[in-house]
Protein backbone atom coordinates (compact mmCIF):
# COMPACT_ATOMS: atom_id res chain seq x y z
CA ALA A 1 56.31 67.43 17.92
CA GLU A 2 57.71 68.50 14.39
CA GLY A 3 59.26 71.45 16.05
CA ARG A 4 56.20 72.78 16.84
CA ASP A 5 53.61 73.18 18.83
CA VAL A 6 50.77 70.67 16.87
CA ASN A 7 47.47 70.26 17.42
CA ILE A 8 45.84 66.75 15.76
CA THR A 9 42.06 66.73 16.68
CA GLY A 10 39.93 64.17 15.47
CA ASP A 11 37.75 60.90 16.25
CA ALA A 12 38.91 57.45 16.50
CA ALA A 13 35.19 56.29 14.93
CA ARG A 14 35.71 58.04 11.77
CA HIS A 15 39.15 58.20 10.88
CA GLY A 16 38.53 60.42 7.99
CA ASP A 17 37.39 63.30 10.12
CA ILE A 18 41.08 64.69 11.42
CA ALA A 19 42.57 68.05 11.32
CA ALA A 20 46.42 69.25 12.33
CA GLU A 21 47.16 72.46 12.91
CA GLY A 22 50.72 73.85 12.98
CA SER A 23 52.90 71.87 11.38
CA PRO A 24 54.80 70.32 8.04
CA SER A 25 52.59 67.59 7.77
CA ASN A 26 49.61 69.66 7.58
CA ASP A 27 50.02 70.14 3.66
CA ALA A 28 50.59 66.17 2.99
CA LEU A 29 47.95 65.59 4.75
CA LYS A 30 45.75 68.04 3.22
CA SER A 31 46.85 66.76 0.07
CA TYR A 32 46.61 63.48 1.28
CA ARG A 33 42.40 64.12 2.13
CA ASN A 34 42.11 65.40 -1.04
CA SER A 35 43.29 62.07 -2.77
CA ILE A 36 40.96 60.36 -0.86
CA GLY A 37 38.03 62.41 -0.78
CA SER A 38 36.00 60.66 -3.60
CA GLN A 39 36.84 57.38 -1.70
CA GLU A 40 35.68 58.39 1.76
CA ILE A 41 32.35 59.96 -0.26
CA THR A 42 32.08 56.51 -1.84
CA LEU A 43 32.66 54.57 1.64
CA ARG A 44 30.23 56.45 2.96
CA ALA A 45 27.31 55.70 0.96
CA ILE A 46 28.38 52.25 0.86
CA ASP A 47 27.77 51.92 4.97
CA THR A 48 24.66 53.81 4.19
CA ALA A 49 23.40 51.21 1.59
CA LEU A 50 24.28 48.44 4.07
CA GLU A 51 22.13 50.23 6.91
CA ASP A 52 19.19 50.44 4.60
CA TYR A 53 19.82 46.61 3.67
CA ARG A 54 20.00 45.82 7.28
CA ASP A 55 17.53 47.85 8.76
CA SER A 56 15.02 46.69 5.71
CA THR A 57 12.29 43.73 6.07
CA ALA A 58 11.54 43.74 2.92
CA VAL A 59 13.48 40.55 0.50
CA ILE A 60 16.89 40.74 0.73
CA ASP A 61 18.88 41.01 -3.10
CA SER A 62 21.79 38.80 -1.90
CA ALA A 63 23.60 39.67 -5.12
CA GLY A 64 23.30 43.41 -4.77
CA LEU A 65 24.29 42.77 -1.10
CA ARG A 66 27.03 40.86 -2.13
CA ARG A 67 27.88 43.73 -4.59
CA LEU A 68 27.98 46.15 -1.80
CA HIS A 69 30.45 44.27 0.41
CA VAL A 70 32.81 43.85 -2.64
CA LYS A 71 32.75 47.15 -3.78
CA ARG A 72 33.19 48.07 -0.08
CA ASP A 73 36.50 45.69 0.69
CA SER A 74 38.23 47.73 -2.70
CA VAL A 75 37.23 51.21 -1.35
CA VAL A 76 38.60 50.35 2.49
CA LEU A 77 41.81 48.17 0.86
CA LEU A 78 42.35 51.80 -1.57
CA LEU A 79 42.32 53.57 1.39
CA LEU A 80 44.73 51.42 3.52
CA ASN A 81 46.88 51.43 0.64
CA SER A 82 46.86 55.84 0.18
CA ARG A 83 47.61 55.58 4.57
CA ARG A 84 51.04 53.14 3.94
CA ASP A 85 51.70 55.43 1.43
CA PHE A 86 51.81 58.28 2.94
CA ILE A 87 53.63 56.84 6.23
CA ASN A 88 56.43 55.78 3.62
CA ARG A 89 56.42 59.44 1.82
CA HIS A 90 56.30 61.07 5.05
CA PRO A 91 57.99 58.93 7.65
CA SER A 92 58.70 61.41 10.07
CA SER A 93 55.31 62.71 10.80
CA VAL A 94 53.21 62.84 13.62
CA VAL A 95 50.45 61.82 11.11
CA SER A 96 52.29 58.98 10.11
CA ALA A 97 52.46 57.81 13.50
CA MET A 98 48.91 57.98 13.33
CA PHE A 99 48.04 56.33 10.07
CA ALA A 100 50.33 53.51 11.93
CA LEU A 101 48.66 53.27 14.86
CA TRP A 102 45.12 52.55 12.72
CA GLU A 103 47.10 50.08 10.68
CA ALA A 104 48.02 48.44 13.79
CA ASP A 105 44.91 47.08 14.03
CA ARG A 106 45.38 44.97 11.39
CA ILE A 107 48.19 43.57 12.42
CA HIS A 108 48.25 40.32 14.74
CA SER A 109 52.35 39.75 15.52
CA ARG A 110 54.78 40.98 17.00
CA HIS A 111 56.50 40.81 13.44
CA GLY A 112 54.52 42.66 11.75
CA LEU A 113 54.25 45.68 14.29
CA ASP A 114 57.95 45.98 14.35
CA SER A 115 57.91 46.23 10.64
CA LEU A 116 55.17 48.74 10.82
CA SER A 117 57.05 50.59 13.41
CA GLY A 118 60.52 50.17 11.19
CA ARG A 119 58.98 52.93 8.49
CA LEU A 120 58.39 55.25 11.18
CA ASN A 121 62.04 57.73 11.30
CA THR A 122 61.22 57.80 14.91
CA ASP A 123 64.92 59.28 15.29
CA VAL A 124 63.29 62.48 13.92
CA MET A 125 59.65 62.20 15.01
CA PRO A 126 59.32 63.38 18.54
CA ASP A 127 57.98 61.13 21.02
CA ASN A 128 53.90 61.43 21.26
CA ALA A 129 50.99 59.21 21.83
CA PHE A 130 50.65 57.60 18.86
CA LEU A 131 53.84 56.31 19.23
CA ARG A 132 53.50 55.00 22.75
CA ARG A 133 50.36 53.53 21.85
CA LEU A 134 52.13 52.26 18.84
CA ARG A 135 55.09 50.93 21.08
CA ARG A 136 52.53 49.44 23.71
CA ARG A 137 50.80 47.63 21.63
CA ALA A 138 53.79 46.09 20.38
CA GLY A 139 55.20 45.25 23.73
CA ASN A 140 51.63 43.58 24.44
CA THR A 141 51.59 41.39 21.47
CA PRO A 142 52.75 37.85 20.86
CA ARG A 143 55.86 37.20 18.12
């Protein structure tokens, strides 16, 4: 991939837990990770607080719970926009294909998936598992 051996590792359940080695995209990925670090920390803190609410037997502060959900939604949107920006700035990166696959989970139309795939430079990007899964997903999605 990308003209050399690349090793991308991560946990599908924890999108922030990824690493790429041996790739020109690695510097871009490191920069991206540094730029979103504080947002990921905030998101983990909010998720922990929401778990505490779920596990609590005390009376729930509904206004506080609502504020946590609103804050979480805004952080998730910032992270989504950061991934979209990465895709736009690095359309031939395998990491962009991985981010596009993550974003595909939010898209429920063939047109939306085609638009997402169209932002990737697949003429330059070598075939990879992320692209194959994205194409398979688009083929199984109604127009």
